[in-house]
Amino acid sequence: MKGAIFFDLYGTLIDILTDEADPGVYSALCRYLSYHSVPISPEEFRKVYFEDIQRVLKQSQEPCSEVDVFRVFSNLMQRYGHRHFPRSVVADTAKLFRSLTIRRFGVFPAVYSVLASLFAKYDLAVVSDAQWIFAEPEMEMLGLKSFFKCVVLSSHLGFKKPDVRLFQLAMRRLSATPEESIYIGDNPPKDMEGAKRAGMRFILFGSSVKSGSEFKPDGYFSNYSELLKILGEM
């Protein structure tokens, strides 16, 4: 039994801070959109963008609904530009938006060395509430993609954690059983509840569990230099 280790992405592997409230983000983005003949003001874009996200979430039949912001961008650009845009143009627009919002971006200390050690012993995967249009290139940019056999992102599926289906799908893709699977995340209500309900063990990173929680972590660490020892003890 080789064993499988599954990671959350943002807040667990990637240390990121974004600011989608910054008016300058929308001013710069709308200047770019004007080059594609999409006449929309920064104020209108911001309003419609968030309204469309909420509309999609409310229309979903999923208890833990998720949106694909690539589709939101595509629909918005088509509505205001009055034409269909190539996938590459929509993708570049979404990525520009993301790049304008980022205030901090990188991996947590010792992540690379720990992943390299784990890669030799375990099958590794990512299970994350994340937008694929942002997460996939950002994993590539940070050199994380090659460590993982599979990546399961909520925006591809239409539902998010703690829905156990994300965890179950990842285990199926690695041909791993719950008994040989460990999930590592930083958000107990989503990460721990979902992993535990899927039958996995759970290790908490850099956070705390509020009293009254149905579940308890099987391990805890605040620095990646501690993780190998914890896994060895488990």
C-alpha atoms as a PDB file:
ATOM      1  CA  MET A   1       0.000   0.000   0.000  1.00  0.00           C
ATOM      2  CA  LYS A   2       1.714   3.134  -1.232  1.00  0.00           C
ATOM      3  CA  GLY A   3      -0.749   5.590   0.293  1.00  0.00           C
ATOM      4  CA  ALA A   4      -2.115   8.843  -1.083  1.00  0.00           C
ATOM      5  CA  ILE A   5      -1.876  12.388   0.216  1.00  0.00           C
ATOM      6  CA  PHE A   6      -4.287  15.070  -0.929  1.00  0.00           C
ATOM      7  CA  PHE A   7      -3.735  18.814  -0.500  1.00  0.00           C
ATOM      8  CA  ASP A   8      -5.905  21.877  -0.510  1.00  0.00           C
ATOM      9  CA  LEU A   9      -4.330  24.582  -2.691  1.00  0.00           C
ATOM     10  CA  TYR A  10      -4.875  28.197  -1.592  1.00  0.00           C
ATOM     11  CA  GLY A  11      -4.037  28.818   2.040  1.00  0.00           C
ATOM     12  CA  THR A  12      -2.357  25.417   2.287  1.00  0.00           C
ATOM     13  CA  LEU A  13       0.251  25.218  -0.477  1.00  0.00           C
ATOM     14  CA  ILE A  14      -0.082  28.687  -1.994  1.00  0.00           C
ATOM     15  CA  ASP A  15       0.073  31.782   0.179  1.00  0.00           C
ATOM     16  CA  ILE A  16      -2.050  34.330  -1.649  1.00  0.00           C
ATOM     17  CA  LEU A  17      -3.796  37.603  -0.958  1.00  0.00           C
ATOM     18  CA  THR A  18      -6.135  39.245  -3.472  1.00  0.00           C
ATOM     19  CA  ASP A  19      -8.134  42.460  -3.472  1.00  0.00           C
ATOM     20  CA  GLU A  20     -11.191  42.364  -5.729  1.00  0.00           C
ATOM     21  CA  ALA A  21     -12.550  45.533  -4.120  1.00  0.00           C
ATOM     22  CA  ASP A  22      -9.822  47.778  -5.542  1.00  0.00           C
ATOM     23  CA  PRO A  23     -11.434  50.212  -8.036  1.00  0.00           C
ATOM     24  CA  GLY A  24      -8.143  50.384  -9.938  1.00  0.00           C
ATOM     25  CA  VAL A  25      -8.547  46.730 -10.937  1.00  0.00           C
ATOM     26  CA  TYR A  26     -11.737  47.497 -12.843  1.00  0.00           C
ATOM     27  CA  SER A  27     -10.402  50.682 -14.411  1.00  0.00           C
ATOM     28  CA  ALA A  28      -7.416  48.829 -15.875  1.00  0.00           C
ATOM     29  CA  LEU A  29      -9.507  45.840 -16.954  1.00  0.00           C
ATOM     30  CA  CYS A  30     -12.084  47.980 -18.751  1.00  0.00           C
ATOM     31  CA  ARG A  31      -9.358  49.858 -20.605  1.00  0.00           C
ATOM     32  CA  TYR A  32      -8.153  46.477 -21.850  1.00  0.00           C
ATOM     33  CA  LEU A  33     -11.673  45.418 -22.801  1.00  0.00           C
ATOM     34  CA  SER A  34     -12.084  48.560 -24.900  1.00  0.00           C
ATOM     35  CA  TYR A  35      -9.382  47.159 -27.217  1.00  0.00           C
ATOM     36  CA  HIS A  36     -11.760  44.257 -27.862  1.00  0.00           C
ATOM     37  CA  SER A  37     -14.722  46.580 -28.485  1.00  0.00           C
ATOM     38  CA  VAL A  38     -16.399  45.793 -25.179  1.00  0.00           C
ATOM     39  CA  PRO A  39     -17.677  49.190 -24.012  1.00  0.00           C
ATOM     40  CA  ILE A  40     -18.332  48.908 -20.296  1.00  0.00           C
ATOM     41  CA  SER A  41     -17.496  51.218 -17.424  1.00  0.00           C
ATOM     42  CA  PRO A  42     -15.493  49.996 -14.418  1.00  0.00           C
ATOM     43  CA  GLU A  43     -18.473  50.550 -12.135  1.00  0.00           C
ATOM     44  CA  GLU A  44     -20.802  48.600 -14.410  1.00  0.00           C
ATOM     45  CA  PHE A  45     -18.352  45.744 -14.844  1.00  0.00           C
ATOM     46  CA  ARG A  46     -17.845  45.343 -11.108  1.00  0.00           C
ATOM     47  CA  LYS A  47     -21.588  45.415 -10.456  1.00  0.00           C
ATOM     48  CA  VAL A  48     -22.543  42.969 -13.203  1.00  0.00           C
ATOM     49  CA  TYR A  49     -19.631  40.598 -12.525  1.00  0.00           C
ATOM     50  CA  PHE A  50     -20.612  39.984  -8.912  1.00  0.00           C
ATOM     51  CA  GLU A  51     -24.334  39.928  -9.727  1.00  0.00           C
ATOM     52  CA  ASP A  52     -23.763  37.231 -12.349  1.00  0.00           C
ATOM     53  CA  ILE A  53     -21.734  35.130  -9.916  1.00  0.00           C
ATOM     54  CA  GLN A  54     -24.505  35.317  -7.309  1.00  0.00           C
ATOM     55  CA  ARG A  55     -27.153  34.518  -9.896  1.00  0.00           C
ATOM     56  CA  VAL A  56     -25.338  31.364 -11.006  1.00  0.00           C
ATOM     57  CA  LEU A  57     -24.876  30.226  -7.411  1.00  0.00           C
ATOM     58  CA  LYS A  58     -28.547  30.796  -6.581  1.00  0.00           C
ATOM     59  CA  GLN A  59     -29.750  28.952  -9.681  1.00  0.00           C
ATOM     60  CA  SER A  60     -27.666  25.895  -8.874  1.00  0.00           C
ATOM     61  CA  GLN A  61     -29.380  22.844  -7.398  1.00  0.00           C
ATOM     62  CA  GLU A  62     -26.229  21.948  -5.466  1.00  0.00           C
ATOM     63  CA  PRO A  63     -26.204  22.452  -1.669  1.00  0.00           C
ATOM     64  CA  CYS A  64     -22.565  23.626  -1.922  1.00  0.00           C
ATOM     65  CA  SER A  65     -22.804  25.374  -5.275  1.00  0.00           C
ATOM     66  CA  GLU A  66     -19.808  26.622  -7.238  1.00  0.00           C
ATOM     67  CA  VAL A  67     -19.434  28.958 -10.201  1.00  0.00           C
ATOM     68  CA  ASP A  68     -17.071  28.867 -13.183  1.00  0.00           C
ATOM     69  CA  VAL A  69     -15.865  32.460 -13.525  1.00  0.00           C
ATOM     70  CA  PHE A  70     -14.523  31.728 -17.015  1.00  0.00           C
ATOM     71  CA  ARG A  71     -18.136  31.346 -18.130  1.00  0.00           C
ATOM     72  CA  VAL A  72     -19.080  34.509 -16.253  1.00  0.00           C
ATOM     73  CA  PHE A  73     -16.398  36.439 -18.150  1.00  0.00           C
ATOM     74  CA  SER A  74     -17.451  34.858 -21.444  1.00  0.00           C
ATOM     75  CA  ASN A  75     -21.117  35.727 -20.980  1.00  0.00           C
ATOM     76  CA  LEU A  76     -20.353  39.253 -19.814  1.00  0.00           C
ATOM     77  CA  MET A  77     -18.044  39.996 -22.747  1.00  0.00           C
ATOM     78  CA  GLN A  78     -20.526  38.565 -25.219  1.00  0.00           C
ATOM     79  CA  ARG A  79     -23.372  40.612 -23.716  1.00  0.00           C
ATOM     80  CA  TYR A  80     -21.541  43.936 -23.882  1.00  0.00           C
ATOM     81  CA  GLY A  81     -19.450  43.237 -26.966  1.00  0.00           C
ATOM     82  CA  HIS A  82     -22.429  41.828 -28.897  1.00  0.00           C
ATOM     83  CA  ARG A  83     -20.464  38.946 -30.336  1.00  0.00           C
ATOM     84  CA  HIS A  84     -18.861  35.641 -29.452  1.00  0.00           C
ATOM     85  CA  PHE A  85     -15.242  35.898 -28.325  1.00  0.00           C
ATOM     86  CA  PRO A  86     -12.582  33.227 -28.884  1.00  0.00           C
ATOM     87  CA  ARG A  87     -11.811  31.140 -25.829  1.00  0.00           C
ATOM     88  CA  SER A  88      -8.254  32.490 -25.738  1.00  0.00           C
ATOM     89  CA  VAL A  89      -9.440  36.110 -25.505  1.00  0.00           C
ATOM     90  CA  VAL A  90     -11.817  35.306 -22.646  1.00  0.00           C
ATOM     91  CA  ALA A  91      -9.074  33.377 -20.852  1.00  0.00           C
ATOM     92  CA  ASP A  92      -6.597  36.245 -21.211  1.00  0.00           C
ATOM     93  CA  THR A  93      -9.174  38.705 -19.877  1.00  0.00           C
ATOM     94  CA  ALA A  94      -9.875  36.549 -16.828  1.00  0.00           C
ATOM     95  CA  LYS A  95      -6.153  36.099 -16.170  1.00  0.00           C
ATOM     96  CA  LEU A  96      -5.561  39.844 -16.469  1.00  0.00           C
ATOM     97  CA  PHE A  97      -8.283  40.427 -13.899  1.00  0.00           C
ATOM     98  CA  ARG A  98      -6.666  37.937 -11.557  1.00  0.00           C
ATOM     99  CA  SER A  99      -3.189  39.418 -11.994  1.00  0.00           C
ATOM    100  CA  LEU A 100      -4.523  42.886 -11.184  1.00  0.00           C
ATOM    101  CA  THR A 101      -6.077  41.680  -7.917  1.00  0.00           C
ATOM    102  CA  ILE A 102      -3.048  39.832  -6.512  1.00  0.00           C
ATOM    103  CA  ARG A 103      -1.263  41.485  -3.603  1.00  0.00           C
ATOM    104  CA  ARG A 104       0.738  38.487  -2.295  1.00  0.00           C
ATOM    105  CA  PHE A 105       1.583  35.295  -4.159  1.00  0.00           C
ATOM    106  CA  GLY A 106       3.964  32.418  -3.500  1.00  0.00           C
ATOM    107  CA  VAL A 107       4.272  29.055  -1.800  1.00  0.00           C
ATOM    108  CA  PHE A 108       4.670  28.650   1.940  1.00  0.00           C
ATOM    109  CA  PRO A 109       8.235  28.072   3.222  1.00  0.00           C
ATOM    110  CA  ALA A 110       9.626  24.547   2.709  1.00  0.00           C
ATOM    111  CA  VAL A 111       6.739  23.458   0.472  1.00  0.00           C
ATOM    112  CA  TYR A 112       8.993  22.427  -2.422  1.00  0.00           C
ATOM    113  CA  SER A 113      11.366  20.287  -0.370  1.00  0.00           C
ATOM    114  CA  VAL A 114       8.504  18.571   1.461  1.00  0.00           C
ATOM    115  CA  LEU A 115       6.620  17.838  -1.742  1.00  0.00           C
ATOM    116  CA  ALA A 116       9.777  16.420  -3.296  1.00  0.00           C
ATOM    117  CA  SER A 117      10.198  14.058  -0.335  1.00  0.00           C
ATOM    118  CA  LEU A 118       6.547  13.001  -0.405  1.00  0.00           C
ATOM    119  CA  PHE A 119       6.537  12.547  -4.174  1.00  0.00           C
ATOM    120  CA  ALA A 120       9.013   9.690  -3.835  1.00  0.00           C
ATOM    121  CA  LYS A 121       6.828   7.821  -1.320  1.00  0.00           C
ATOM    122  CA  TYR A 122       3.188   8.649  -1.998  1.00  0.00           C
ATOM    123  CA  ASP A 123       0.708   9.438  -4.742  1.00  0.00           C
ATOM    124  CA  LEU A 124      -0.113  13.146  -4.453  1.00  0.00           C
ATOM    125  CA  ALA A 125      -3.195  15.078  -5.548  1.00  0.00           C
ATOM    126  CA  VAL A 126      -4.877  18.454  -5.095  1.00  0.00           C
ATOM    127  CA  VAL A 127      -8.535  18.857  -4.084  1.00  0.00           C
ATOM    128  CA  SER A 128      -9.448  22.521  -3.958  1.00  0.00           C
ATOM    129  CA  ASP A 129     -12.241  25.056  -4.110  1.00  0.00           C
ATOM    130  CA  ALA A 130     -10.631  27.028  -6.896  1.00  0.00           C
ATOM    131  CA  GLN A 131     -11.251  28.596 -10.271  1.00  0.00           C
ATOM    132  CA  TRP A 132      -9.503  26.502 -12.904  1.00  0.00           C
ATOM    133  CA  ILE A 133      -8.802  29.545 -15.077  1.00  0.00           C
ATOM    134  CA  PHE A 134      -6.677  30.935 -12.238  1.00  0.00           C
ATOM    135  CA  ALA A 135      -5.452  27.828 -10.419  1.00  0.00           C
ATOM    136  CA  GLU A 136      -4.120  25.828 -13.356  1.00  0.00           C
ATOM    137  CA  PRO A 137      -1.739  28.513 -14.657  1.00  0.00           C
ATOM    138  CA  GLU A 138      -0.802  29.553 -11.108  1.00  0.00           C
ATOM    139  CA  MET A 139       0.232  25.996 -10.237  1.00  0.00           C
ATOM    140  CA  GLU A 140       2.321  25.984 -13.410  1.00  0.00           C
ATOM    141  CA  MET A 141       3.869  29.369 -12.590  1.00  0.00           C
ATOM    142  CA  LEU A 142       4.908  28.174  -9.136  1.00  0.00           C
ATOM    143  CA  GLY A 143       6.264  24.835 -10.314  1.00  0.00           C
ATOM    144  CA  LEU A 144       3.693  22.790  -8.396  1.00  0.00           C
ATOM    145  CA  LYS A 145       1.927  20.926 -11.173  1.00  0.00           C
ATOM    146  CA  SER A 146       4.570  18.217 -11.669  1.00  0.00           C
ATOM    147  CA  PHE A 147       4.202  16.968  -8.088  1.00  0.00           C
ATOM    148  CA  PHE A 148       0.576  15.905  -8.469  1.00  0.00           C
ATOM    149  CA  LYS A 149      -0.970  12.958 -10.273  1.00  0.00           C
ATOM    150  CA  CYS A 150      -4.354  14.633 -10.386  1.00  0.00           C
ATOM    151  CA  VAL A 151      -5.956  17.977  -9.610  1.00  0.00           C
ATOM    152  CA  VAL A 152      -9.645  18.207  -8.694  1.00  0.00           C
ATOM    153  CA  LEU A 153     -11.041  21.750  -8.790  1.00  0.00           C
ATOM    154  CA  SER A 154     -14.538  22.740  -7.743  1.00  0.00           C
ATOM    155  CA  SER A 155     -15.080  25.095 -10.691  1.00  0.00           C
ATOM    156  CA  HIS A 156     -14.912  22.156 -13.111  1.00  0.00           C
ATOM    157  CA  LEU A 157     -17.664  20.353 -11.210  1.00  0.00           C
ATOM    158  CA  GLY A 158     -20.209  22.941 -10.086  1.00  0.00           C
ATOM    159  CA  PHE A 159     -19.969  22.056  -6.396  1.00  0.00           C
ATOM    160  CA  LYS A 160     -17.400  22.671  -3.678  1.00  0.00           C
ATOM    161  CA  LYS A 161     -16.185  21.466  -0.302  1.00  0.00           C
ATOM    162  CA  PRO A 162     -17.300  20.070   2.060  1.00  0.00           C
ATOM    163  CA  ASP A 163     -19.158  18.019  -0.583  1.00  0.00           C
ATOM    164  CA  VAL A 164     -17.618  14.555  -0.261  1.00  0.00           C
ATOM    165  CA  ARG A 165     -17.799  13.983  -4.025  1.00  0.00           C
ATOM    166  CA  LEU A 166     -14.675  16.073  -4.594  1.00  0.00           C
ATOM    167  CA  PHE A 167     -12.690  13.867  -2.227  1.00  0.00           C
ATOM    168  CA  GLN A 168     -14.210  10.660  -3.589  1.00  0.00           C
ATOM    169  CA  LEU A 169     -13.429  11.668  -7.169  1.00  0.00           C
ATOM    170  CA  ALA A 170      -9.801  12.375  -6.289  1.00  0.00           C
ATOM    171  CA  MET A 171      -9.444   9.026  -4.534  1.00  0.00           C
ATOM    172  CA  ARG A 172     -10.926   7.213  -7.540  1.00  0.00           C
ATOM    173  CA  ARG A 173      -8.481   8.932  -9.860  1.00  0.00           C
ATOM    174  CA  LEU A 174      -5.585   7.691  -7.722  1.00  0.00           C
ATOM    175  CA  SER A 175      -7.203   4.283  -7.122  1.00  0.00           C
ATOM    176  CA  ALA A 176      -6.841   4.985  -3.407  1.00  0.00           C
ATOM    177  CA  THR A 177      -9.083   3.826  -0.573  1.00  0.00           C
ATOM    178  CA  PRO A 178     -10.159   6.156   2.246  1.00  0.00           C
ATOM    179  CA  GLU A 179      -8.117   4.090   4.708  1.00  0.00           C
ATOM    180  CA  GLU A 180      -4.876   4.847   2.856  1.00  0.00           C
ATOM    181  CA  SER A 181      -5.716   8.521   2.165  1.00  0.00           C
ATOM    182  CA  ILE A 182      -4.775  11.665   4.089  1.00  0.00           C
ATOM    183  CA  TYR A 183      -6.053  15.146   3.330  1.00  0.00           C
ATOM    184  CA  ILE A 184      -4.177  18.313   4.301  1.00  0.00           C
ATOM    185  CA  GLY A 185      -5.967  21.648   4.493  1.00  0.00           C
ATOM    186  CA  ASP A 186      -6.330  24.906   6.397  1.00  0.00           C
ATOM    187  CA  ASN A 187     -10.110  25.329   6.604  1.00  0.00           C
ATOM    188  CA  PRO A 188     -11.733  22.963   9.135  1.00  0.00           C
ATOM    189  CA  PRO A 189     -15.399  23.583   8.187  1.00  0.00           C
ATOM    190  CA  LYS A 190     -14.673  22.747   4.551  1.00  0.00           C
ATOM    191  CA  ASP A 191     -11.495  20.682   4.478  1.00  0.00           C
ATOM    192  CA  MET A 192     -11.827  18.616   7.634  1.00  0.00           C
ATOM    193  CA  GLU A 193     -15.562  17.999   7.397  1.00  0.00           C
ATOM    194  CA  GLY A 194     -15.385  16.935   3.758  1.00  0.00           C
ATOM    195  CA  ALA A 195     -12.334  14.720   4.206  1.00  0.00           C
ATOM    196  CA  LYS A 196     -13.621  13.062   7.363  1.00  0.00           C
ATOM    197  CA  ARG A 197     -17.029  12.382   5.836  1.00  0.00           C
ATOM    198  CA  ALA A 198     -15.236  10.770   2.914  1.00  0.00           C
ATOM    199  CA  GLY A 199     -13.430   8.465   5.359  1.00  0.00           C
ATOM    200  CA  MET A 200     -10.015  10.099   5.050  1.00  0.00           C
ATOM    201  CA  ARG A 201      -7.665  11.132   7.818  1.00  0.00           C
ATOM    202  CA  PHE A 202      -7.068  14.851   8.085  1.00  0.00           C
ATOM    203  CA  ILE A 203      -4.083  17.031   8.978  1.00  0.00           C
ATOM    204  CA  LEU A 204      -4.714  20.697   9.726  1.00  0.00           C
ATOM    205  CA  PHE A 205      -2.313  23.395   8.561  1.00  0.00           C
ATOM    206  CA  GLY A 206      -1.908  26.759  10.287  1.00  0.00           C
ATOM    207  CA  SER A 207      -5.411  27.107  11.666  1.00  0.00           C
ATOM    208  CA  SER A 208      -7.509  26.066  14.635  1.00  0.00           C
ATOM    209  CA  VAL A 209     -10.684  24.082  15.190  1.00  0.00           C
ATOM    210  CA  LYS A 210     -13.545  25.753  17.000  1.00  0.00           C
ATOM    211  CA  SER A 211     -15.008  23.902  19.965  1.00  0.00           C
ATOM    212  CA  GLY A 212     -18.129  21.947  19.186  1.00  0.00           C
ATOM    213  CA  SER A 213     -16.868  20.619  15.861  1.00  0.00           C
ATOM    214  CA  GLU A 214     -18.041  17.108  15.078  1.00  0.00           C
ATOM    215  CA  PHE A 215     -14.572  16.117  13.903  1.00  0.00           C
ATOM    216  CA  LYS A 216     -11.032  16.488  15.150  1.00  0.00           C
ATOM    217  CA  PRO A 217      -7.836  16.582  13.070  1.00  0.00           C
ATOM    218  CA  ASP A 218      -5.479  13.623  13.143  1.00  0.00           C
ATOM    219  CA  GLY A 219      -2.524  15.997  13.153  1.00  0.00           C
ATOM    220  CA  TYR A 220      -1.637  19.667  13.094  1.00  0.00           C
ATOM    221  CA  PHE A 221       1.314  21.694  11.821  1.00  0.00           C
ATOM    222  CA  SER A 222       2.093  25.365  11.371  1.00  0.00           C
ATOM    223  CA  ASN A 223       5.323  24.978   9.377  1.00  0.00           C
ATOM    224  CA  TYR A 224       6.024  22.534   6.564  1.00  0.00           C
ATOM    225  CA  SER A 225       9.230  21.485   8.257  1.00  0.00           C
ATOM    226  CA  GLU A 226       6.981  19.626  10.736  1.00  0.00           C
ATOM    227  CA  LEU A 227       4.892  17.692   8.219  1.00  0.00           C
ATOM    228  CA  LEU A 228       7.191  14.767   7.438  1.00  0.00           C
ATOM    229  CA  LYS A 229       7.491  13.915  11.127  1.00  0.00           C
ATOM    230  CA  ILE A 230       3.725  13.978  11.567  1.00  0.00           C
ATOM    231  CA  LEU A 231       3.186  11.713   8.573  1.00  0.00           C
ATOM    232  CA  GLY A 232       5.857   9.337   9.840  1.00  0.00           C
ATOM    233  CA  GLU A 233       4.073   9.050  13.186  1.00  0.00           C
ATOM    234  CA  MET A 234       0.752   8.392  11.469  1.00  0.00           C
END
